[in-house]
């Protein structure tokens, strides 16, 4: 390598750095911060309702709540069951928690039960979350993904939060992928209660 090569390499390096800087600044020029909340796209969840004739077989899952109580979905037959998949550090889970609690209180006397499925947290963080948001319905820890395996086809593996509404026969009647819209969930519950 001779000394005549150095200036051209320096120019090449400077030019490449300038191009990279321009690309980074251009990418930053379109502010999308209003669409994100610590890595999540904001907005309400995508909802799906399933007519009674098109519903799959009843879901079967069970577990032990953080409080040590046994829970089995099959024992909820005859009433509606709302299943919410969540974890404590999930921003949309924190956003929807007060609404889910309020809806669970409003529909409890109408034969609608709620259960949470926590896919990441040990008892400490999960119970702190429930206390912080005043959640009174129970949650099942699912750190080994056994319940999520039972919910396959209904809940995508990384779709947290997801909320399922199960009919009186234990079949999925509606699904919300992402944070719930309270009025949408209430309407779904009302329609399935009227069946």
N, C-alpha and C. Protein backbone atom coordinates (compact mmCIF):
# COMPACT_ATOMS: atom_id res chain seq x y z
N UNK A 1 0.86 -1.17 0.00
CA UNK A 1 0.00 0.00 0.00
C UNK A 1 0.91 1.23 0.00
N UNK A 2 0.68 2.17 -0.90
CA UNK A 2 1.49 3.38 -0.92
C UNK A 2 0.69 4.56 -0.38
N UNK A 3 1.39 5.66 -0.17
CA UNK A 3 0.76 6.83 0.45
C UNK A 3 -0.31 7.45 -0.42
N UNK A 4 -0.27 7.23 -1.70
CA UNK A 4 -1.28 7.81 -2.60
C UNK A 4 -2.64 7.19 -2.36
N UNK A 5 -2.69 5.97 -1.81
CA UNK A 5 -3.96 5.30 -1.56
C UNK A 5 -4.70 5.89 -0.35
N UNK A 6 -4.00 6.45 0.62
CA UNK A 6 -4.63 6.92 1.85
C UNK A 6 -5.70 7.98 1.65
N UNK A 7 -5.47 9.02 0.88
CA UNK A 7 -6.53 10.03 0.74
C UNK A 7 -7.81 9.45 0.13
N UNK A 8 -7.69 8.56 -0.84
CA UNK A 8 -8.90 8.02 -1.46
C UNK A 8 -9.66 7.13 -0.48
N UNK A 9 -8.95 6.42 0.33
CA UNK A 9 -9.64 5.58 1.34
C UNK A 9 -10.31 6.44 2.39
N UNK A 10 -9.62 7.51 2.76
CA UNK A 10 -10.24 8.43 3.73
C UNK A 10 -11.50 9.05 3.16
N UNK A 11 -11.42 9.46 1.90
CA UNK A 11 -12.60 10.03 1.26
C UNK A 11 -13.72 9.00 1.19
N UNK A 12 -13.38 7.76 0.87
CA UNK A 12 -14.37 6.69 0.80
C UNK A 12 -15.03 6.47 2.15
N UNK A 13 -14.22 6.45 3.21
CA UNK A 13 -14.74 6.27 4.55
C UNK A 13 -15.65 7.44 4.94
N UNK A 14 -15.22 8.65 4.64
CA UNK A 14 -16.01 9.83 4.96
C UNK A 14 -17.32 9.83 4.19
N UNK A 15 -17.25 9.45 2.91
CA UNK A 15 -18.46 9.41 2.09
C UNK A 15 -19.43 8.35 2.61
N UNK A 16 -18.89 7.17 2.95
CA UNK A 16 -19.73 6.09 3.49
C UNK A 16 -20.38 6.49 4.80
N UNK A 17 -19.61 7.16 5.67
CA UNK A 17 -20.16 7.63 6.93
C UNK A 17 -21.25 8.66 6.72
N UNK A 18 -21.05 9.53 5.74
CA UNK A 18 -22.06 10.54 5.43
C UNK A 18 -23.34 9.92 4.93
N UNK A 19 -23.22 8.90 4.08
CA UNK A 19 -24.40 8.21 3.57
C UNK A 19 -25.15 7.53 4.71
N UNK A 20 -24.41 6.86 5.61
CA UNK A 20 -25.03 6.19 6.75
C UNK A 20 -25.74 7.20 7.66
N UNK A 21 -25.10 8.31 7.94
CA UNK A 21 -25.71 9.35 8.78
C UNK A 21 -26.98 9.89 8.14
N UNK A 22 -26.94 10.12 6.83
CA UNK A 22 -28.12 10.61 6.11
C UNK A 22 -29.27 9.61 6.21
N UNK A 23 -28.96 8.32 6.05
CA UNK A 23 -29.99 7.28 6.13
C UNK A 23 -30.61 7.23 7.52
N UNK A 24 -29.78 7.32 8.55
CA UNK A 24 -30.30 7.29 9.92
C UNK A 24 -31.18 8.50 10.18
N UNK A 25 -30.73 9.66 9.77
CA UNK A 25 -31.53 10.87 9.99
C UNK A 25 -32.83 10.84 9.20
N UNK A 26 -32.79 10.28 8.01
CA UNK A 26 -34.02 10.17 7.20
C UNK A 26 -35.01 9.25 7.88
N UNK A 27 -34.51 8.16 8.45
CA UNK A 27 -35.39 7.23 9.15
C UNK A 27 -36.02 7.90 10.36
N UNK A 28 -35.27 8.77 11.04
CA UNK A 28 -35.79 9.46 12.21
C UNK A 28 -36.74 10.58 11.84
N UNK A 29 -36.74 10.99 10.58
CA UNK A 29 -37.56 12.11 10.16
C UNK A 29 -39.05 11.84 10.22
N UNK A 30 -39.45 10.58 10.10
CA UNK A 30 -40.86 10.23 10.17
C UNK A 30 -41.16 9.80 11.60
N UNK A 31 -41.68 10.68 12.41
CA UNK A 31 -41.94 10.39 13.81
C UNK A 31 -43.15 9.48 13.93
N UNK A 32 -42.92 8.29 14.44
CA UNK A 32 -44.01 7.34 14.65
C UNK A 32 -44.26 7.10 16.12
N UNK A 33 -43.75 7.97 16.98
CA UNK A 33 -43.84 7.73 18.42
C UNK A 33 -45.27 7.64 18.91
N UNK A 34 -46.21 8.25 18.22
CA UNK A 34 -47.59 8.15 18.66
C UNK A 34 -48.19 6.78 18.41
N UNK A 35 -47.52 5.96 17.62
CA UNK A 35 -48.04 4.62 17.34
C UNK A 35 -47.47 3.57 18.27
N UNK A 36 -46.52 3.94 19.11
CA UNK A 36 -45.83 2.94 19.92
C UNK A 36 -45.88 3.28 21.40
N UNK A 37 -45.94 2.26 22.21
CA UNK A 37 -45.87 2.37 23.65
C UNK A 37 -44.89 1.30 24.10
N UNK A 38 -43.65 1.68 24.28
CA UNK A 38 -42.56 0.77 24.61
C UNK A 38 -42.59 -0.51 23.78
N UNK A 39 -42.57 -0.35 22.48
CA UNK A 39 -42.45 -1.49 21.59
C UNK A 39 -43.75 -2.09 21.12
N UNK A 40 -44.86 -1.62 21.58
CA UNK A 40 -46.15 -2.16 21.15
C UNK A 40 -46.85 -1.15 20.27
N UNK A 41 -47.52 -1.63 19.23
CA UNK A 41 -48.34 -0.74 18.41
C UNK A 41 -49.59 -0.43 19.22
N UNK A 42 -49.86 0.85 19.37
CA UNK A 42 -51.00 1.23 20.19
C UNK A 42 -52.29 1.03 19.42
N UNK A 43 -53.39 1.19 20.12
CA UNK A 43 -54.69 1.01 19.50
C UNK A 43 -55.40 -0.17 20.11
N UNK A 44 -56.64 -0.34 19.79
CA UNK A 44 -57.43 -1.41 20.36
C UNK A 44 -57.18 -2.72 19.62
N UNK A 45 -57.56 -3.80 20.24
CA UNK A 45 -57.33 -5.11 19.66
C UNK A 45 -58.23 -5.41 18.48
N UNK A 46 -57.84 -6.42 17.76
CA UNK A 46 -58.63 -6.91 16.63
C UNK A 46 -59.61 -7.95 17.19
N UNK A 47 -60.89 -7.74 16.96
CA UNK A 47 -61.89 -8.64 17.52
C UNK A 47 -62.51 -9.53 16.45
N UNK A 48 -62.86 -10.75 16.89
CA UNK A 48 -63.49 -11.73 16.02
C UNK A 48 -64.63 -12.38 16.79
N UNK A 49 -65.78 -12.47 16.17
CA UNK A 49 -66.90 -13.19 16.77
C UNK A 49 -67.20 -14.41 15.92
N UNK A 50 -67.56 -15.50 16.59
CA UNK A 50 -67.79 -16.78 15.91
C UNK A 50 -69.23 -17.20 16.16
N UNK A 51 -69.97 -17.42 15.09
CA UNK A 51 -71.37 -17.83 15.25
C UNK A 51 -71.43 -19.20 15.93
N UNK A 52 -72.53 -19.45 16.63
CA UNK A 52 -72.67 -20.69 17.39
C UNK A 52 -72.46 -21.93 16.52
N UNK A 53 -72.92 -21.88 15.28
CA UNK A 53 -72.80 -23.04 14.38
C UNK A 53 -71.37 -23.30 13.95
N UNK A 54 -70.51 -22.28 14.02
CA UNK A 54 -69.13 -22.42 13.55
C UNK A 54 -68.10 -22.57 14.66
N UNK A 55 -68.52 -22.68 15.89
CA UNK A 55 -67.57 -22.78 17.00
C UNK A 55 -66.95 -24.17 17.08
N UNK A 56 -65.68 -24.20 17.48
CA UNK A 56 -64.94 -25.45 17.64
C UNK A 56 -65.37 -26.18 18.91
N UNK A 57 -64.70 -27.27 19.17
CA UNK A 57 -64.95 -28.05 20.38
C UNK A 57 -64.64 -27.22 21.63
N UNK A 58 -65.21 -27.60 22.76
CA UNK A 58 -64.91 -26.88 24.01
C UNK A 58 -63.43 -26.93 24.34
N UNK A 59 -62.93 -25.84 24.89
CA UNK A 59 -61.53 -25.80 25.34
C UNK A 59 -61.41 -26.48 26.69
N UNK A 60 -60.33 -27.21 26.86
CA UNK A 60 -60.07 -27.90 28.12
C UNK A 60 -58.71 -27.45 28.64
N UNK A 61 -58.72 -26.79 29.77
CA UNK A 61 -57.47 -26.43 30.44
C UNK A 61 -57.75 -26.29 31.93
N UNK A 62 -56.72 -26.44 32.71
CA UNK A 62 -56.85 -26.34 34.16
C UNK A 62 -55.53 -25.90 34.74
N UNK A 63 -55.54 -25.59 36.02
CA UNK A 63 -54.33 -25.17 36.70
C UNK A 63 -54.63 -24.76 38.12
N UNK A 64 -53.61 -24.27 38.76
CA UNK A 64 -53.72 -23.80 40.14
C UNK A 64 -53.45 -22.30 40.14
N UNK A 65 -54.36 -21.54 40.71
CA UNK A 65 -54.22 -20.10 40.74
C UNK A 65 -53.04 -19.70 41.62
N UNK A 66 -52.64 -18.45 41.52
CA UNK A 66 -51.57 -17.93 42.37
C UNK A 66 -51.93 -18.04 43.85
N UNK A 67 -53.22 -18.06 44.15
CA UNK A 67 -53.67 -18.17 45.54
C UNK A 67 -53.78 -19.63 45.99
N UNK A 68 -53.46 -20.58 45.10
CA UNK A 68 -53.48 -22.00 45.46
C UNK A 68 -54.80 -22.71 45.24
N UNK A 69 -55.73 -22.08 44.55
CA UNK A 69 -57.04 -22.69 44.26
C UNK A 69 -56.98 -23.44 42.93
N UNK A 70 -57.61 -24.61 42.88
CA UNK A 70 -57.68 -25.38 41.64
C UNK A 70 -58.73 -24.77 40.71
N UNK A 71 -58.44 -24.75 39.43
CA UNK A 71 -59.37 -24.21 38.43
C UNK A 71 -59.39 -25.16 37.24
N UNK A 72 -60.60 -25.43 36.73
CA UNK A 72 -60.76 -26.22 35.50
C UNK A 72 -61.83 -25.55 34.64
N UNK A 73 -61.49 -25.30 33.39
CA UNK A 73 -62.45 -24.67 32.48
C UNK A 73 -63.73 -25.49 32.37
N UNK A 74 -63.61 -26.80 32.41
CA UNK A 74 -64.79 -27.68 32.29
C UNK A 74 -65.80 -27.43 33.40
N UNK A 75 -65.33 -27.01 34.56
CA UNK A 75 -66.22 -26.74 35.68
C UNK A 75 -66.99 -25.43 35.52
N UNK A 76 -66.64 -24.65 34.53
CA UNK A 76 -67.32 -23.38 34.27
C UNK A 76 -68.47 -23.53 33.29
N UNK A 77 -68.69 -24.73 32.77
CA UNK A 77 -69.75 -24.95 31.79
C UNK A 77 -71.08 -24.53 32.37
N UNK A 78 -71.92 -23.97 31.53
CA UNK A 78 -73.21 -23.46 31.97
C UNK A 78 -73.19 -21.95 32.19
N UNK A 79 -72.00 -21.38 32.23
CA UNK A 79 -71.86 -19.93 32.32
C UNK A 79 -70.81 -19.48 31.32
N UNK A 80 -70.75 -18.20 31.07
CA UNK A 80 -69.73 -17.66 30.17
C UNK A 80 -68.41 -17.52 30.92
N UNK A 81 -67.32 -17.70 30.21
CA UNK A 81 -66.00 -17.56 30.81
C UNK A 81 -65.17 -16.64 29.92
N UNK A 82 -64.63 -15.59 30.52
CA UNK A 82 -63.72 -14.68 29.83
C UNK A 82 -62.31 -15.06 30.27
N UNK A 83 -61.46 -15.36 29.29
CA UNK A 83 -60.08 -15.77 29.54
C UNK A 83 -59.17 -14.68 29.01
N UNK A 84 -58.34 -14.12 29.89
CA UNK A 84 -57.43 -13.05 29.49
C UNK A 84 -55.98 -13.51 29.66
N UNK A 85 -55.24 -13.54 28.55
CA UNK A 85 -53.82 -13.91 28.56
C UNK A 85 -53.01 -12.64 28.76
N UNK A 86 -52.12 -12.63 29.78
CA UNK A 86 -51.44 -11.40 30.15
C UNK A 86 -50.12 -11.70 30.84
N UNK A 87 -49.34 -10.64 31.08
CA UNK A 87 -48.21 -10.66 32.01
C UNK A 87 -47.95 -9.24 32.48
N UNK A 88 -47.29 -9.09 33.60
CA UNK A 88 -47.22 -7.81 34.31
C UNK A 88 -46.49 -6.71 33.55
N UNK A 89 -45.45 -7.02 32.79
CA UNK A 89 -44.66 -5.97 32.12
C UNK A 89 -45.22 -5.58 30.76
N UNK A 90 -46.34 -6.12 30.38
CA UNK A 90 -46.95 -5.88 29.07
C UNK A 90 -47.75 -4.57 29.11
N UNK A 91 -47.33 -3.53 28.36
CA UNK A 91 -48.04 -2.24 28.40
C UNK A 91 -49.54 -2.33 28.06
N UNK A 92 -49.95 -3.06 27.00
CA UNK A 92 -51.40 -3.13 26.75
C UNK A 92 -52.15 -3.89 27.84
N UNK A 93 -51.46 -4.81 28.53
CA UNK A 93 -52.10 -5.53 29.64
C UNK A 93 -52.40 -4.55 30.77
N UNK A 94 -51.48 -3.64 31.04
CA UNK A 94 -51.69 -2.64 32.08
C UNK A 94 -52.81 -1.68 31.67
N UNK A 95 -52.87 -1.37 30.39
CA UNK A 95 -53.90 -0.45 29.89
C UNK A 95 -55.31 -1.04 30.06
N UNK A 96 -55.45 -2.33 29.75
CA UNK A 96 -56.79 -2.93 29.77
C UNK A 96 -57.21 -3.45 31.14
N UNK A 97 -56.28 -3.58 32.08
CA UNK A 97 -56.58 -4.18 33.39
C UNK A 97 -57.76 -3.52 34.11
N UNK A 98 -57.81 -2.20 34.24
CA UNK A 98 -58.96 -1.60 34.94
C UNK A 98 -60.29 -1.89 34.25
N UNK A 99 -60.30 -1.90 32.92
CA UNK A 99 -61.53 -2.19 32.19
C UNK A 99 -61.98 -3.63 32.40
N UNK A 100 -61.03 -4.57 32.35
CA UNK A 100 -61.38 -5.97 32.58
C UNK A 100 -61.95 -6.16 33.99
N UNK A 101 -61.34 -5.51 34.98
CA UNK A 101 -61.84 -5.62 36.34
C UNK A 101 -63.26 -5.08 36.45
N UNK A 102 -63.50 -3.92 35.86
CA UNK A 102 -64.84 -3.32 35.92
C UNK A 102 -65.87 -4.21 35.23
N UNK A 103 -65.52 -4.75 34.08
CA UNK A 103 -66.45 -5.61 33.35
C UNK A 103 -66.71 -6.89 34.14
N UNK A 104 -65.68 -7.44 34.77
CA UNK A 104 -65.88 -8.66 35.57
C UNK A 104 -66.85 -8.40 36.72
N UNK A 105 -66.77 -7.23 37.32
CA UNK A 105 -67.69 -6.88 38.40
C UNK A 105 -69.11 -6.67 37.88
N UNK A 106 -69.22 -6.00 36.73
CA UNK A 106 -70.54 -5.70 36.17
C UNK A 106 -71.29 -6.95 35.72
N UNK A 107 -70.58 -7.98 35.27
CA UNK A 107 -71.24 -9.16 34.72
C UNK A 107 -71.20 -10.38 35.64
N UNK A 108 -70.59 -10.25 36.79
CA UNK A 108 -70.47 -11.40 37.69
C UNK A 108 -71.79 -12.03 38.07
N UNK A 109 -72.81 -11.21 38.32
CA UNK A 109 -74.11 -11.74 38.74
C UNK A 109 -74.93 -12.27 37.56
N UNK A 110 -74.43 -12.07 36.35
CA UNK A 110 -75.15 -12.57 35.17
C UNK A 110 -74.58 -13.90 34.67
N UNK A 111 -73.75 -14.54 35.45
CA UNK A 111 -73.21 -15.83 35.05
C UNK A 111 -72.00 -15.73 34.14
N UNK A 112 -71.18 -14.69 34.34
CA UNK A 112 -69.96 -14.53 33.56
C UNK A 112 -68.78 -14.55 34.53
N UNK A 113 -67.87 -15.50 34.33
CA UNK A 113 -66.67 -15.60 35.16
C UNK A 113 -65.45 -15.14 34.36
N UNK A 114 -64.41 -14.74 35.07
CA UNK A 114 -63.16 -14.31 34.46
C UNK A 114 -62.01 -15.13 35.04
N UNK A 115 -61.05 -15.44 34.18
CA UNK A 115 -59.81 -16.08 34.61
C UNK A 115 -58.66 -15.48 33.79
N UNK A 116 -57.57 -15.20 34.46
CA UNK A 116 -56.38 -14.73 33.76
C UNK A 116 -55.43 -15.90 33.54
N UNK A 117 -54.67 -15.83 32.46
CA UNK A 117 -53.60 -16.79 32.18
C UNK A 117 -52.32 -15.96 32.08
N UNK A 118 -51.44 -16.08 33.07
CA UNK A 118 -50.21 -15.30 33.07
C UNK A 118 -49.09 -16.14 32.49
N UNK A 119 -48.52 -15.67 31.38
CA UNK A 119 -47.56 -16.48 30.63
C UNK A 119 -46.10 -16.23 31.01
N UNK A 120 -45.81 -15.32 31.94
CA UNK A 120 -44.41 -15.02 32.25
C UNK A 120 -44.05 -14.89 33.72
N UNK A 121 -44.99 -14.53 34.57
CA UNK A 121 -44.64 -14.06 35.91
C UNK A 121 -44.75 -15.12 36.99
N UNK A 122 -43.77 -15.07 37.90
CA UNK A 122 -43.88 -15.79 39.15
C UNK A 122 -44.94 -15.09 40.00
N UNK A 123 -45.24 -15.67 41.16
CA UNK A 123 -46.31 -15.14 42.01
C UNK A 123 -46.08 -13.68 42.41
N UNK A 124 -44.85 -13.31 42.78
CA UNK A 124 -44.59 -11.95 43.27
C UNK A 124 -45.03 -10.86 42.31
N UNK A 125 -44.50 -10.82 41.09
CA UNK A 125 -44.91 -9.78 40.15
C UNK A 125 -46.39 -9.86 39.76
N UNK A 126 -46.89 -11.08 39.62
CA UNK A 126 -48.29 -11.23 39.21
C UNK A 126 -49.24 -10.70 40.28
N UNK A 127 -49.00 -11.07 41.53
CA UNK A 127 -49.87 -10.61 42.61
C UNK A 127 -49.73 -9.12 42.85
N UNK A 128 -48.52 -8.57 42.66
CA UNK A 128 -48.33 -7.12 42.79
C UNK A 128 -49.13 -6.39 41.71
N UNK A 129 -49.13 -6.92 40.49
CA UNK A 129 -49.92 -6.34 39.40
C UNK A 129 -51.40 -6.36 39.77
N UNK A 130 -51.89 -7.51 40.24
CA UNK A 130 -53.31 -7.64 40.58
C UNK A 130 -53.69 -6.68 41.70
N UNK A 131 -52.82 -6.54 42.68
CA UNK A 131 -53.11 -5.61 43.77
C UNK A 131 -53.10 -4.17 43.27
N UNK A 132 -52.13 -3.83 42.46
CA UNK A 132 -52.01 -2.47 41.93
C UNK A 132 -53.23 -2.06 41.12
N UNK A 133 -53.77 -3.00 40.33
CA UNK A 133 -54.91 -2.68 39.47
C UNK A 133 -56.24 -3.12 40.07
N UNK A 134 -56.23 -3.62 41.30
CA UNK A 134 -57.47 -4.01 41.96
C UNK A 134 -58.16 -5.21 41.33
N UNK A 135 -57.39 -6.10 40.70
CA UNK A 135 -57.97 -7.27 40.04
C UNK A 135 -58.44 -8.26 41.09
N UNK A 136 -59.72 -8.64 41.03
CA UNK A 136 -60.27 -9.57 42.02
C UNK A 136 -60.51 -10.97 41.46
N UNK A 137 -60.49 -11.13 40.15
CA UNK A 137 -60.65 -12.48 39.59
C UNK A 137 -59.28 -13.16 39.57
N UNK A 138 -59.26 -14.50 39.60
CA UNK A 138 -57.99 -15.22 39.72
C UNK A 138 -57.23 -15.32 38.40
N UNK A 139 -55.95 -15.66 38.52
CA UNK A 139 -55.11 -15.94 37.36
C UNK A 139 -54.35 -17.23 37.59
N UNK A 140 -54.09 -17.92 36.49
CA UNK A 140 -53.30 -19.15 36.50
C UNK A 140 -51.92 -18.85 35.94
N UNK A 141 -50.85 -19.24 36.65
CA UNK A 141 -49.52 -19.12 36.05
C UNK A 141 -49.36 -20.18 34.97
N UNK A 142 -48.71 -19.81 33.87
CA UNK A 142 -48.49 -20.76 32.77
C UNK A 142 -47.07 -20.61 32.24
N UNK A 143 -46.10 -20.69 33.14
CA UNK A 143 -44.70 -20.50 32.77
C UNK A 143 -44.19 -21.62 31.87
N UNK A 144 -44.80 -22.79 31.95
CA UNK A 144 -44.36 -23.91 31.11
C UNK A 144 -45.20 -24.04 29.83
N UNK A 145 -46.10 -23.10 29.59
CA UNK A 145 -46.93 -23.01 28.37
C UNK A 145 -47.87 -24.20 28.17
N UNK A 146 -48.21 -24.91 29.21
CA UNK A 146 -49.17 -26.01 29.07
C UNK A 146 -50.56 -25.50 28.71
N UNK A 147 -50.99 -24.44 29.36
CA UNK A 147 -52.31 -23.88 29.04
C UNK A 147 -52.31 -23.27 27.65
N UNK A 148 -51.24 -22.54 27.33
CA UNK A 148 -51.15 -21.97 25.98
C UNK A 148 -51.19 -23.07 24.92
N UNK A 149 -50.62 -24.22 25.22
CA UNK A 149 -50.69 -25.34 24.28
C UNK A 149 -52.15 -25.78 24.11
N UNK A 150 -52.89 -25.82 25.21
CA UNK A 150 -54.31 -26.19 25.15
C UNK A 150 -55.11 -25.15 24.37
N UNK A 151 -54.64 -23.90 24.36
CA UNK A 151 -55.34 -22.81 23.66
C UNK A 151 -54.85 -22.62 22.23
N UNK A 152 -53.94 -23.50 21.76
CA UNK A 152 -53.39 -23.35 20.41
C UNK A 152 -54.54 -23.35 19.40
N UNK A 153 -54.37 -22.54 18.39
CA UNK A 153 -55.42 -22.36 17.40
C UNK A 153 -56.39 -21.25 17.78
N UNK A 154 -56.41 -20.90 19.06
CA UNK A 154 -57.27 -19.81 19.54
C UNK A 154 -56.46 -18.59 19.93
N UNK A 155 -55.24 -18.83 20.44
CA UNK A 155 -54.35 -17.75 20.87
C UNK A 155 -53.00 -17.98 20.22
N UNK A 156 -52.50 -16.99 19.49
CA UNK A 156 -51.16 -17.10 18.91
C UNK A 156 -50.14 -17.08 20.04
N UNK A 157 -49.02 -17.81 19.89
CA UNK A 157 -48.06 -17.94 20.98
C UNK A 157 -47.57 -16.63 21.59
N UNK A 158 -47.37 -15.60 20.79
CA UNK A 158 -46.85 -14.34 21.33
C UNK A 158 -47.89 -13.23 21.33
N UNK A 159 -49.14 -13.57 21.19
CA UNK A 159 -50.20 -12.56 21.12
C UNK A 159 -50.70 -12.23 22.52
N UNK A 160 -49.98 -11.34 23.19
CA UNK A 160 -50.34 -10.94 24.54
C UNK A 160 -50.53 -9.43 24.55
N UNK A 161 -51.67 -8.96 25.00
CA UNK A 161 -52.77 -9.73 25.56
C UNK A 161 -53.69 -10.29 24.48
N UNK A 162 -54.37 -11.34 24.85
CA UNK A 162 -55.48 -11.88 24.07
C UNK A 162 -56.59 -12.19 25.05
N UNK A 163 -57.83 -11.92 24.65
CA UNK A 163 -58.98 -12.21 25.49
C UNK A 163 -59.95 -13.09 24.70
N UNK A 164 -60.33 -14.21 25.31
CA UNK A 164 -61.30 -15.13 24.71
C UNK A 164 -62.59 -15.06 25.50
N UNK A 165 -63.70 -15.15 24.81
CA UNK A 165 -65.01 -15.29 25.44
C UNK A 165 -65.53 -16.67 25.10
N UNK A 166 -65.71 -17.50 26.13
CA UNK A 166 -66.20 -18.86 25.93
C UNK A 166 -67.68 -18.92 26.27
N UNK A 167 -68.44 -19.63 25.43
CA UNK A 167 -69.88 -19.73 25.65
C UNK A 167 -70.19 -20.75 26.75
N UNK A 168 -71.47 -20.99 26.99
CA UNK A 168 -71.88 -21.87 28.08
C UNK A 168 -71.42 -23.32 27.88
N UNK A 169 -71.11 -23.67 26.64
CA UNK A 169 -70.63 -25.02 26.34
C UNK A 169 -69.11 -25.11 26.40
N UNK A 170 -68.44 -23.99 26.67
CA UNK A 170 -66.99 -23.99 26.76
C UNK A 170 -66.29 -23.77 25.43
N UNK A 171 -67.05 -23.34 24.42
CA UNK A 171 -66.46 -23.08 23.10
C UNK A 171 -66.14 -21.61 22.94
N UNK A 172 -65.11 -21.29 22.17
CA UNK A 172 -64.74 -19.89 21.95
C UNK A 172 -65.79 -19.24 21.05
N UNK A 173 -66.42 -18.20 21.59
CA UNK A 173 -67.45 -17.47 20.87
C UNK A 173 -66.92 -16.15 20.32
N UNK A 174 -65.84 -15.64 20.93
CA UNK A 174 -65.27 -14.36 20.49
C UNK A 174 -63.83 -14.27 20.97
N UNK A 175 -63.07 -13.45 20.25
CA UNK A 175 -61.64 -13.28 20.57
C UNK A 175 -61.25 -11.84 20.32
N UNK A 176 -60.42 -11.29 21.20
CA UNK A 176 -59.81 -9.99 21.00
C UNK A 176 -58.30 -10.19 21.10
N UNK A 177 -57.61 -9.92 20.00
CA UNK A 177 -56.15 -9.99 19.99
C UNK A 177 -55.62 -8.58 20.18
N UNK A 178 -54.95 -8.33 21.28
CA UNK A 178 -54.52 -6.99 21.64
C UNK A 178 -55.38 -6.48 22.78
N UNK A 179 -55.15 -5.24 23.17
CA UNK A 179 -55.92 -4.65 24.27
C UNK A 179 -57.39 -4.56 23.89
N UNK A 180 -58.24 -4.86 24.86
CA UNK A 180 -59.68 -4.81 24.59
C UNK A 180 -60.17 -3.38 24.48
N UNK A 181 -61.22 -3.21 23.74
CA UNK A 181 -62.04 -2.01 23.78
C UNK A 181 -63.21 -2.39 24.70
N UNK A 182 -63.42 -1.71 25.82
CA UNK A 182 -64.44 -2.13 26.77
C UNK A 182 -65.83 -2.28 26.17
N UNK A 183 -66.24 -1.33 25.32
CA UNK A 183 -67.58 -1.41 24.76
C UNK A 183 -67.71 -2.61 23.82
N UNK A 184 -66.64 -2.94 23.11
CA UNK A 184 -66.68 -4.10 22.22
C UNK A 184 -66.82 -5.39 23.03
N UNK A 185 -66.03 -5.53 24.09
CA UNK A 185 -66.13 -6.74 24.92
C UNK A 185 -67.50 -6.84 25.56
N UNK A 186 -68.03 -5.74 26.05
CA UNK A 186 -69.37 -5.76 26.64
C UNK A 186 -70.42 -6.20 25.62
N UNK A 187 -70.32 -5.71 24.40
CA UNK A 187 -71.27 -6.10 23.35
C UNK A 187 -71.16 -7.58 23.04
N UNK A 188 -69.94 -8.08 22.99
CA UNK A 188 -69.74 -9.51 22.74
C UNK A 188 -70.38 -10.34 23.85
N UNK A 189 -70.13 -9.96 25.08
CA UNK A 189 -70.71 -10.69 26.23
C UNK A 189 -72.23 -10.64 26.15
N UNK A 190 -72.80 -9.47 25.88
CA UNK A 190 -74.26 -9.33 25.80
C UNK A 190 -74.84 -10.26 24.75
N UNK A 191 -74.18 -10.33 23.58
CA UNK A 191 -74.70 -11.20 22.50
C UNK A 191 -74.65 -12.66 22.89
N UNK A 192 -73.57 -13.09 23.52
CA UNK A 192 -73.47 -14.51 23.88
C UNK A 192 -74.39 -14.83 25.06
N UNK A 193 -74.57 -13.88 25.97
CA UNK A 193 -75.53 -14.09 27.06
C UNK A 193 -76.94 -14.27 26.52
N UNK A 194 -77.27 -13.61 25.41
CA UNK A 194 -78.63 -13.66 24.84
C UNK A 194 -78.88 -14.95 24.07
N UNK A 195 -77.86 -15.77 23.86
CA UNK A 195 -78.06 -17.02 23.08
C UNK A 195 -78.91 -18.01 23.85
